[in-house]
Amino acid sequence: MKRHLTATLAAMLLAAPALAEIMVSDAYVRSSTPTSASGAAFMTLMNEGAEDDRLIAVSSDVAARVELHTHSEDENGVMRMSEIEDGIALPAGGMHHLARGGDHLMFMGLTGPLEQGSEIAVTLTFEKAGEMQVMIPVDHERKPDHGAMKHSD
């Protein structure tokens, strides 16, 4: 019986897909004013694993709700923000930039001000890698292209 359980457990472990290895770099969060009810976070997500993954949810105690958002231009040339409902794809060996004017994390219903120099805890939930907690610095002085990584597709 013991051998059977050990063999079954080994087979299950070998058959299980490897979890994606997600890395977060150059993260920062900001609000537009000290009294803003909303804020946004930006970062680069890197999937260093051999399997595709997807960022599917975000949460933080600093806001009533946190959503994955993007900017898009309508037919009149007006930029609009909207929720990304199916998540953000992270191909194996690839990266995705969350940046101003593009995809980002949107904090709505802030529970207090995002103070310059402080850090906030954010939980990123990935389809395969599961939950990852990251500490993100508040940086209201950051320029839009500061820390931007250049790469070719």
N, C-alpha and C. Protein backbone atom coordinates (compact mmCIF):
# COMPACT_ATOMS: atom_id res chain seq x y z
N MET A 1 0.83 -1.19 0.00
CA MET A 1 0.00 0.00 0.00
C MET A 1 0.88 1.26 0.00
N LYS A 2 1.93 1.26 0.82
CA LYS A 2 2.82 2.40 0.92
C LYS A 2 3.50 2.67 -0.42
N ARG A 3 3.97 1.60 -1.09
CA ARG A 3 4.60 1.76 -2.41
C ARG A 3 3.63 2.32 -3.43
N HIS A 4 2.38 1.87 -3.37
CA HIS A 4 1.37 2.33 -4.32
C HIS A 4 1.11 3.84 -4.14
N LEU A 5 1.00 4.29 -2.89
CA LEU A 5 0.78 5.72 -2.63
C LEU A 5 1.97 6.54 -3.08
N THR A 6 3.19 6.07 -2.82
CA THR A 6 4.39 6.78 -3.24
C THR A 6 4.46 6.87 -4.75
N ALA A 7 4.17 5.80 -5.45
CA ALA A 7 4.18 5.79 -6.92
C ALA A 7 3.10 6.70 -7.47
N THR A 8 1.92 6.69 -6.86
CA THR A 8 0.82 7.55 -7.31
C THR A 8 1.18 9.02 -7.11
N LEU A 9 1.74 9.36 -5.95
CA LEU A 9 2.15 10.74 -5.67
C LEU A 9 3.23 11.18 -6.65
N ALA A 10 4.21 10.35 -6.92
CA ALA A 10 5.27 10.69 -7.87
C ALA A 10 4.70 10.91 -9.26
N ALA A 11 3.76 10.09 -9.68
CA ALA A 11 3.14 10.24 -11.01
C ALA A 11 2.36 11.55 -11.09
N MET A 12 1.67 11.90 -10.00
CA MET A 12 0.91 13.15 -10.00
C MET A 12 1.84 14.35 -10.10
N LEU A 13 2.95 14.31 -9.37
CA LEU A 13 3.90 15.42 -9.40
C LEU A 13 4.55 15.55 -10.77
N LEU A 14 4.88 14.45 -11.40
CA LEU A 14 5.49 14.50 -12.72
C LEU A 14 4.51 14.97 -13.78
N ALA A 15 3.22 14.67 -13.60
CA ALA A 15 2.22 15.05 -14.59
C ALA A 15 1.77 16.50 -14.43
N ALA A 16 2.00 17.08 -13.26
CA ALA A 16 1.56 18.46 -13.00
C ALA A 16 2.39 19.43 -13.82
N PRO A 17 1.75 20.45 -14.41
CA PRO A 17 2.51 21.42 -15.18
C PRO A 17 3.40 22.26 -14.27
N ALA A 18 4.55 22.64 -14.77
CA ALA A 18 5.45 23.50 -14.01
C ALA A 18 4.84 24.88 -13.87
N LEU A 19 4.96 25.47 -12.70
CA LEU A 19 4.42 26.81 -12.49
C LEU A 19 5.30 27.83 -13.21
N ALA A 20 4.64 28.86 -13.74
CA ALA A 20 5.38 29.93 -14.40
C ALA A 20 6.21 30.67 -13.37
N GLU A 21 7.32 31.19 -13.78
CA GLU A 21 8.19 31.96 -12.91
C GLU A 21 8.04 33.43 -13.28
N ILE A 22 7.27 34.16 -12.50
CA ILE A 22 6.95 35.55 -12.80
C ILE A 22 7.86 36.47 -12.00
N MET A 23 8.41 37.47 -12.68
CA MET A 23 9.23 38.49 -12.04
C MET A 23 8.58 39.85 -12.27
N VAL A 24 8.70 40.73 -11.29
CA VAL A 24 8.16 42.09 -11.40
C VAL A 24 9.33 43.05 -11.26
N SER A 25 9.42 44.04 -12.17
CA SER A 25 10.49 45.03 -12.05
C SER A 25 9.95 46.42 -12.31
N ASP A 26 10.70 47.40 -11.84
CA ASP A 26 10.44 48.82 -12.07
C ASP A 26 9.01 49.24 -11.72
N ALA A 27 8.48 48.71 -10.60
CA ALA A 27 7.11 49.02 -10.19
C ALA A 27 7.04 50.35 -9.43
N TYR A 28 5.97 51.09 -9.67
CA TYR A 28 5.68 52.28 -8.87
C TYR A 28 4.19 52.59 -8.98
N VAL A 29 3.69 53.32 -7.98
CA VAL A 29 2.28 53.69 -7.94
C VAL A 29 2.19 55.19 -7.71
N ARG A 30 1.12 55.78 -8.20
CA ARG A 30 0.91 57.21 -8.00
C ARG A 30 -0.57 57.54 -8.07
N SER A 31 -0.94 58.67 -7.48
CA SER A 31 -2.28 59.23 -7.64
C SER A 31 -2.09 60.62 -8.24
N SER A 32 -3.15 61.16 -8.82
CA SER A 32 -2.99 62.44 -9.49
C SER A 32 -2.85 63.60 -8.50
N THR A 33 -3.51 63.51 -7.35
CA THR A 33 -3.38 64.53 -6.29
C THR A 33 -3.44 63.83 -4.94
N PRO A 34 -3.02 64.49 -3.87
CA PRO A 34 -3.08 63.86 -2.54
C PRO A 34 -4.50 63.49 -2.11
N THR A 35 -5.51 64.14 -2.66
CA THR A 35 -6.90 63.85 -2.27
C THR A 35 -7.64 63.01 -3.32
N SER A 36 -6.93 62.46 -4.28
CA SER A 36 -7.57 61.64 -5.32
C SER A 36 -8.22 60.40 -4.73
N ALA A 37 -9.32 60.00 -5.35
CA ALA A 37 -10.01 58.77 -4.94
C ALA A 37 -9.47 57.57 -5.71
N SER A 38 -8.58 57.82 -6.67
CA SER A 38 -8.03 56.72 -7.46
C SER A 38 -6.53 56.91 -7.67
N GLY A 39 -5.88 55.82 -8.06
CA GLY A 39 -4.45 55.84 -8.34
C GLY A 39 -4.14 54.75 -9.36
N ALA A 40 -2.91 54.71 -9.82
CA ALA A 40 -2.52 53.72 -10.82
C ALA A 40 -1.12 53.21 -10.52
N ALA A 41 -0.88 51.95 -10.89
CA ALA A 41 0.45 51.36 -10.73
C ALA A 41 0.96 50.89 -12.07
N PHE A 42 2.27 50.97 -12.21
CA PHE A 42 2.95 50.63 -13.47
C PHE A 42 4.13 49.73 -13.13
N MET A 43 4.50 48.85 -14.04
CA MET A 43 5.60 47.90 -13.80
C MET A 43 5.85 47.10 -15.06
N THR A 44 6.88 46.29 -15.01
CA THR A 44 7.14 45.32 -16.07
C THR A 44 6.99 43.94 -15.46
N LEU A 45 6.18 43.11 -16.11
CA LEU A 45 5.98 41.72 -15.71
C LEU A 45 6.77 40.85 -16.66
N MET A 46 7.57 39.94 -16.11
CA MET A 46 8.37 39.04 -16.95
C MET A 46 8.04 37.60 -16.58
N ASN A 47 7.78 36.78 -17.59
CA ASN A 47 7.52 35.36 -17.38
C ASN A 47 8.79 34.61 -17.77
N GLU A 48 9.56 34.21 -16.77
CA GLU A 48 10.81 33.51 -17.02
C GLU A 48 10.61 32.00 -17.05
N GLY A 49 9.36 31.56 -17.02
CA GLY A 49 9.06 30.14 -17.06
C GLY A 49 8.92 29.62 -18.48
N ALA A 50 8.68 28.34 -18.59
CA ALA A 50 8.54 27.69 -19.90
C ALA A 50 7.08 27.57 -20.32
N GLU A 51 6.18 28.14 -19.53
CA GLU A 51 4.75 28.02 -19.80
C GLU A 51 4.09 29.39 -19.84
N ASP A 52 3.17 29.60 -20.77
CA ASP A 52 2.40 30.84 -20.83
C ASP A 52 1.61 31.00 -19.53
N ASP A 53 1.37 32.24 -19.14
CA ASP A 53 0.55 32.53 -17.96
C ASP A 53 -0.26 33.78 -18.25
N ARG A 54 -1.06 34.20 -17.29
CA ARG A 54 -1.94 35.36 -17.47
C ARG A 54 -2.19 35.99 -16.12
N LEU A 55 -2.03 37.32 -16.02
CA LEU A 55 -2.40 38.07 -14.83
C LEU A 55 -3.92 38.23 -14.89
N ILE A 56 -4.63 37.67 -13.90
CA ILE A 56 -6.09 37.66 -13.97
C ILE A 56 -6.78 38.52 -12.92
N ALA A 57 -6.07 38.91 -11.85
CA ALA A 57 -6.70 39.72 -10.82
C ALA A 57 -5.63 40.44 -10.00
N VAL A 58 -6.08 41.50 -9.32
CA VAL A 58 -5.20 42.30 -8.46
C VAL A 58 -6.01 42.75 -7.26
N SER A 59 -5.38 42.82 -6.09
CA SER A 59 -6.06 43.34 -4.91
C SER A 59 -5.06 44.08 -4.03
N SER A 60 -5.59 44.97 -3.21
CA SER A 60 -4.77 45.72 -2.26
C SER A 60 -5.69 46.34 -1.21
N ASP A 61 -5.19 46.43 0.01
CA ASP A 61 -5.96 47.05 1.09
C ASP A 61 -6.06 48.56 0.94
N VAL A 62 -5.29 49.18 0.03
CA VAL A 62 -5.31 50.63 -0.10
C VAL A 62 -6.49 51.14 -0.92
N ALA A 63 -7.27 50.22 -1.51
CA ALA A 63 -8.40 50.64 -2.35
C ALA A 63 -9.57 49.68 -2.20
N ALA A 64 -10.76 50.22 -2.40
CA ALA A 64 -11.96 49.39 -2.35
C ALA A 64 -11.95 48.36 -3.48
N ARG A 65 -11.38 48.75 -4.63
CA ARG A 65 -11.34 47.86 -5.79
C ARG A 65 -10.08 48.15 -6.60
N VAL A 66 -9.48 47.09 -7.13
CA VAL A 66 -8.33 47.24 -8.02
C VAL A 66 -8.64 46.45 -9.28
N GLU A 67 -8.45 47.09 -10.44
CA GLU A 67 -8.75 46.45 -11.72
C GLU A 67 -7.56 46.53 -12.66
N LEU A 68 -7.51 45.61 -13.60
CA LEU A 68 -6.57 45.68 -14.72
C LEU A 68 -7.21 46.62 -15.73
N HIS A 69 -6.50 47.66 -16.14
CA HIS A 69 -7.06 48.67 -17.05
C HIS A 69 -6.15 48.88 -18.25
N THR A 70 -6.75 49.44 -19.29
CA THR A 70 -6.00 49.84 -20.47
C THR A 70 -6.56 51.15 -21.00
N HIS A 71 -5.80 51.81 -21.84
CA HIS A 71 -6.25 52.99 -22.56
C HIS A 71 -6.46 52.60 -24.01
N SER A 72 -7.51 53.15 -24.61
CA SER A 72 -7.72 52.93 -26.04
C SER A 72 -8.32 54.20 -26.63
N GLU A 73 -8.08 54.38 -27.91
CA GLU A 73 -8.57 55.58 -28.60
C GLU A 73 -9.85 55.23 -29.33
N ASP A 74 -10.90 56.07 -29.12
CA ASP A 74 -12.16 55.81 -29.84
C ASP A 74 -12.11 56.42 -31.23
N GLU A 75 -13.20 56.27 -31.97
CA GLU A 75 -13.23 56.73 -33.36
C GLU A 75 -13.09 58.24 -33.51
N ASN A 76 -13.29 59.00 -32.42
CA ASN A 76 -13.14 60.45 -32.44
C ASN A 76 -11.78 60.91 -31.94
N GLY A 77 -10.88 59.95 -31.69
CA GLY A 77 -9.54 60.30 -31.22
C GLY A 77 -9.47 60.58 -29.73
N VAL A 78 -10.53 60.25 -29.00
CA VAL A 78 -10.56 60.47 -27.56
C VAL A 78 -10.05 59.21 -26.85
N MET A 79 -9.11 59.42 -25.92
CA MET A 79 -8.58 58.29 -25.16
C MET A 79 -9.56 57.93 -24.04
N ARG A 80 -9.81 56.64 -23.90
CA ARG A 80 -10.71 56.15 -22.87
C ARG A 80 -10.03 55.03 -22.10
N MET A 81 -10.36 54.95 -20.80
CA MET A 81 -9.85 53.88 -19.97
C MET A 81 -10.94 52.83 -19.83
N SER A 82 -10.54 51.55 -19.85
CA SER A 82 -11.52 50.48 -19.65
C SER A 82 -10.85 49.29 -18.97
N GLU A 83 -11.68 48.46 -18.36
CA GLU A 83 -11.18 47.28 -17.67
C GLU A 83 -10.79 46.20 -18.69
N ILE A 84 -9.70 45.50 -18.39
CA ILE A 84 -9.27 44.35 -19.19
C ILE A 84 -9.90 43.14 -18.50
N GLU A 85 -10.97 42.63 -19.06
CA GLU A 85 -11.73 41.59 -18.37
C GLU A 85 -11.13 40.19 -18.49
N ASP A 86 -10.38 39.91 -19.54
CA ASP A 86 -9.84 38.55 -19.70
C ASP A 86 -8.39 38.43 -19.25
N GLY A 87 -7.87 39.44 -18.56
CA GLY A 87 -6.52 39.38 -18.02
C GLY A 87 -5.46 39.81 -19.01
N ILE A 88 -4.22 39.79 -18.55
CA ILE A 88 -3.08 40.22 -19.35
C ILE A 88 -2.20 39.00 -19.61
N ALA A 89 -2.03 38.65 -20.88
CA ALA A 89 -1.25 37.49 -21.26
C ALA A 89 0.24 37.72 -21.03
N LEU A 90 0.89 36.68 -20.51
CA LEU A 90 2.35 36.69 -20.31
C LEU A 90 2.90 35.43 -20.97
N PRO A 91 3.35 35.54 -22.21
CA PRO A 91 3.88 34.35 -22.89
C PRO A 91 5.16 33.85 -22.22
N ALA A 92 5.41 32.58 -22.31
CA ALA A 92 6.62 31.98 -21.76
C ALA A 92 7.83 32.72 -22.33
N GLY A 93 8.73 33.13 -21.44
CA GLY A 93 9.93 33.84 -21.87
C GLY A 93 9.68 35.28 -22.28
N GLY A 94 8.47 35.78 -22.10
CA GLY A 94 8.12 37.13 -22.55
C GLY A 94 7.90 38.10 -21.42
N MET A 95 7.57 39.32 -21.78
CA MET A 95 7.30 40.36 -20.80
C MET A 95 6.15 41.23 -21.27
N HIS A 96 5.57 41.95 -20.32
CA HIS A 96 4.49 42.88 -20.63
C HIS A 96 4.70 44.12 -19.77
N HIS A 97 4.71 45.29 -20.42
CA HIS A 97 4.90 46.55 -19.71
C HIS A 97 3.55 47.14 -19.33
N LEU A 98 3.39 47.46 -18.07
CA LEU A 98 2.24 48.23 -17.61
C LEU A 98 2.76 49.65 -17.48
N ALA A 99 2.27 50.55 -18.34
CA ALA A 99 2.84 51.89 -18.43
C ALA A 99 1.75 52.93 -18.62
N ARG A 100 2.09 54.17 -18.30
CA ARG A 100 1.14 55.27 -18.52
C ARG A 100 0.71 55.31 -19.98
N GLY A 101 -0.58 55.52 -20.18
CA GLY A 101 -1.12 55.58 -21.53
C GLY A 101 -1.39 54.21 -22.12
N GLY A 102 -1.16 53.16 -21.34
CA GLY A 102 -1.38 51.79 -21.81
C GLY A 102 -2.00 50.96 -20.70
N ASP A 103 -1.66 49.69 -20.65
CA ASP A 103 -2.16 48.82 -19.60
C ASP A 103 -1.58 49.26 -18.25
N HIS A 104 -2.38 49.14 -17.20
CA HIS A 104 -1.95 49.53 -15.86
C HIS A 104 -2.88 48.91 -14.81
N LEU A 105 -2.51 49.02 -13.54
CA LEU A 105 -3.37 48.62 -12.44
C LEU A 105 -4.09 49.86 -11.96
N MET A 106 -5.41 49.80 -11.83
CA MET A 106 -6.21 50.96 -11.42
C MET A 106 -6.78 50.72 -10.04
N PHE A 107 -6.41 51.61 -9.08
CA PHE A 107 -6.89 51.54 -7.71
C PHE A 107 -8.05 52.51 -7.57
N MET A 108 -9.24 52.01 -7.26
CA MET A 108 -10.43 52.86 -7.15
C MET A 108 -10.98 52.82 -5.74
N GLY A 109 -11.37 53.99 -5.25
CA GLY A 109 -11.85 54.09 -3.87
C GLY A 109 -10.71 53.96 -2.88
N LEU A 110 -9.67 54.80 -3.07
CA LEU A 110 -8.53 54.76 -2.16
C LEU A 110 -8.99 54.95 -0.72
N THR A 111 -8.43 54.17 0.19
CA THR A 111 -8.80 54.25 1.60
C THR A 111 -8.02 55.34 2.33
N GLY A 112 -7.04 55.93 1.67
CA GLY A 112 -6.23 57.02 2.24
C GLY A 112 -5.31 57.54 1.16
N PRO A 113 -4.58 58.60 1.45
CA PRO A 113 -3.68 59.15 0.43
C PRO A 113 -2.49 58.23 0.16
N LEU A 114 -2.03 58.26 -1.07
CA LEU A 114 -0.81 57.54 -1.45
C LEU A 114 0.33 58.53 -1.23
N GLU A 115 1.06 58.35 -0.13
CA GLU A 115 2.07 59.32 0.27
C GLU A 115 3.43 59.03 -0.36
N GLN A 116 4.02 60.07 -0.93
CA GLN A 116 5.33 59.98 -1.56
C GLN A 116 6.32 59.28 -0.64
N GLY A 117 7.06 58.30 -1.18
CA GLY A 117 8.08 57.60 -0.42
C GLY A 117 7.58 56.38 0.36
N SER A 118 6.26 56.22 0.47
CA SER A 118 5.75 55.04 1.18
C SER A 118 5.66 53.86 0.21
N GLU A 119 5.28 52.71 0.71
CA GLU A 119 5.09 51.52 -0.11
C GLU A 119 3.72 50.94 0.17
N ILE A 120 3.13 50.32 -0.85
CA ILE A 120 1.85 49.65 -0.66
C ILE A 120 2.00 48.18 -1.02
N ALA A 121 1.23 47.32 -0.33
CA ALA A 121 1.22 45.89 -0.63
C ALA A 121 0.14 45.62 -1.67
N VAL A 122 0.51 44.88 -2.71
CA VAL A 122 -0.41 44.54 -3.80
C VAL A 122 -0.29 43.04 -4.04
N THR A 123 -1.42 42.38 -4.20
CA THR A 123 -1.42 40.96 -4.52
C THR A 123 -1.80 40.79 -5.99
N LEU A 124 -0.89 40.22 -6.75
CA LEU A 124 -1.12 39.92 -8.16
C LEU A 124 -1.52 38.45 -8.23
N THR A 125 -2.60 38.13 -8.97
CA THR A 125 -3.04 36.75 -9.10
C THR A 125 -2.88 36.32 -10.54
N PHE A 126 -2.10 35.26 -10.73
CA PHE A 126 -1.84 34.72 -12.06
C PHE A 126 -2.60 33.41 -12.24
N GLU A 127 -3.00 33.15 -13.45
CA GLU A 127 -3.77 31.95 -13.76
C GLU A 127 -3.04 30.68 -13.33
N LYS A 128 -1.75 30.58 -13.60
CA LYS A 128 -0.98 29.38 -13.28
C LYS A 128 -0.04 29.57 -12.10
N ALA A 129 0.61 30.70 -11.99
CA ALA A 129 1.59 30.91 -10.92
C ALA A 129 0.92 31.20 -9.58
N GLY A 130 -0.37 31.53 -9.60
CA GLY A 130 -1.08 31.80 -8.35
C GLY A 130 -0.84 33.22 -7.87
N GLU A 131 -0.94 33.40 -6.56
CA GLU A 131 -0.82 34.74 -5.96
C GLU A 131 0.62 35.10 -5.67
N MET A 132 0.93 36.38 -5.90
CA MET A 132 2.25 36.92 -5.62
C MET A 132 2.05 38.28 -4.96
N GLN A 133 2.59 38.46 -3.76
CA GLN A 133 2.49 39.77 -3.11
C GLN A 133 3.74 40.57 -3.42
N VAL A 134 3.53 41.83 -3.83
CA VAL A 134 4.65 42.72 -4.13
C VAL A 134 4.45 44.02 -3.35
N MET A 135 5.56 44.62 -2.97
CA MET A 135 5.54 45.93 -2.33
C MET A 135 5.90 46.94 -3.41
N ILE A 136 5.03 47.93 -3.60
CA ILE A 136 5.22 48.91 -4.67
C ILE A 136 5.43 50.29 -4.06
N PRO A 137 6.54 50.96 -4.40
CA PRO A 137 6.78 52.30 -3.86
C PRO A 137 5.85 53.34 -4.49
N VAL A 138 5.46 54.31 -3.67
CA VAL A 138 4.68 55.45 -4.17
C VAL A 138 5.68 56.49 -4.67
N ASP A 139 5.54 56.87 -5.93
CA ASP A 139 6.48 57.82 -6.54
C ASP A 139 5.70 58.79 -7.43
N HIS A 140 5.36 59.95 -6.86
CA HIS A 140 4.61 60.96 -7.60
C HIS A 140 5.52 61.80 -8.50
N GLU A 141 6.83 61.66 -8.34
CA GLU A 141 7.77 62.46 -9.12
C GLU A 141 8.25 61.76 -10.38
N ARG A 142 7.90 60.52 -10.56
CA ARG A 142 8.37 59.70 -11.68
C ARG A 142 7.91 60.29 -13.00
N LYS A 143 8.82 60.38 -13.93
CA LYS A 143 8.50 60.86 -15.27
C LYS A 143 7.92 59.69 -16.07
N PRO A 144 7.05 59.95 -17.05
CA PRO A 144 6.39 58.85 -17.78
C PRO A 144 7.33 57.83 -18.39
N ASP A 145 8.51 58.21 -18.87
CA ASP A 145 9.38 57.24 -19.51
C ASP A 145 10.54 56.80 -18.62
N HIS A 146 10.53 57.20 -17.34
CA HIS A 146 11.61 56.83 -16.43
C HIS A 146 11.63 55.31 -16.24
N GLY A 147 12.77 54.72 -16.50
CA GLY A 147 12.92 53.29 -16.29
C GLY A 147 12.35 52.45 -17.41
N ALA A 148 11.86 53.07 -18.46
CA ALA A 148 11.28 52.30 -19.56
C ALA A 148 12.36 51.41 -20.19
N MET A 149 11.98 50.21 -20.48
CA MET A 149 12.92 49.25 -21.06
C MET A 149 12.69 49.20 -22.57
N LYS A 150 13.74 49.31 -23.31
CA LYS A 150 13.66 49.23 -24.77
C LYS A 150 13.87 47.78 -25.18
N HIS A 151 13.00 47.28 -26.06
CA HIS A 151 13.17 45.94 -26.58
C HIS A 151 12.50 45.84 -27.94
N SER A 152 12.92 44.88 -28.70
CA SER A 152 12.30 44.68 -30.01
C SER A 152 11.45 43.44 -29.97
N ASP A 153 10.33 43.45 -30.66
CA ASP A 153 9.42 42.31 -30.66
C ASP A 153 9.76 41.32 -31.72
